[in-house]
Amino acid sequence: MTPDSADPLPTDDGRGESPAERADRNWDELLQELRVMQTGTQILTGFLLAVAFQPRFAAMAPEQVALYIVLVALAAVATVLALTPVGLHRALFHQHRKEALVAIASRIVAVDLAVIGVLSAGVTTLIVDFTIGRPAGIAAFIASIVLVAALWLILPRLARRIRGGEPGRQG
């Protein structure tokens, strides 16, 4: 394909997509990510909501109850963040704004991942703190945060270096 042909101009990754096709593909990929995030968030939220109705909930220390309330709030924030791209899509539907939608949704997904990472670490902390004790709970929190950082921040950077990609480039 030549640059002056009527076919869509090739993108810099060699796919030969038009900007609209690229935006459609990126939107589809974001939706797949949101589906995975939503499932994990629903499981954590369901667990948290069930905790308050358990007989042992009354035995929780005030600090554990405070952590529980923070975690419920984080679960609500994660849920709202995961639904926000859908709401944006509804608001921008048929307005030919897919590229803007993808850019905004991508940032929202990144924020939601951070919230879910903290939420996951917090849930682990609460469970370990309640069942084993405070020092083990603190250790669980640190281990969880290190694991999330290693897998969600460091591993992607290493993967970009291995394939020779540029940081921050979206496919």
Foldseek 3Di string as FASTA:
>chain_A
DDPPDPQACADPVRPSDHPVRVLVVLVVVLVVLLVVLLVLLVVLLVVLVVLVVDPCNVVDDPVLVVLSVVLNVLSVVLNCLSCVLVVVCVVCPPVPCSVVSSVVNVVSSVVSLVSVLQSVLSVQLSVCCVPPRNVRSVVSSVVSNVVSCCVVPVVVVVVCVVVVHDPPDDD
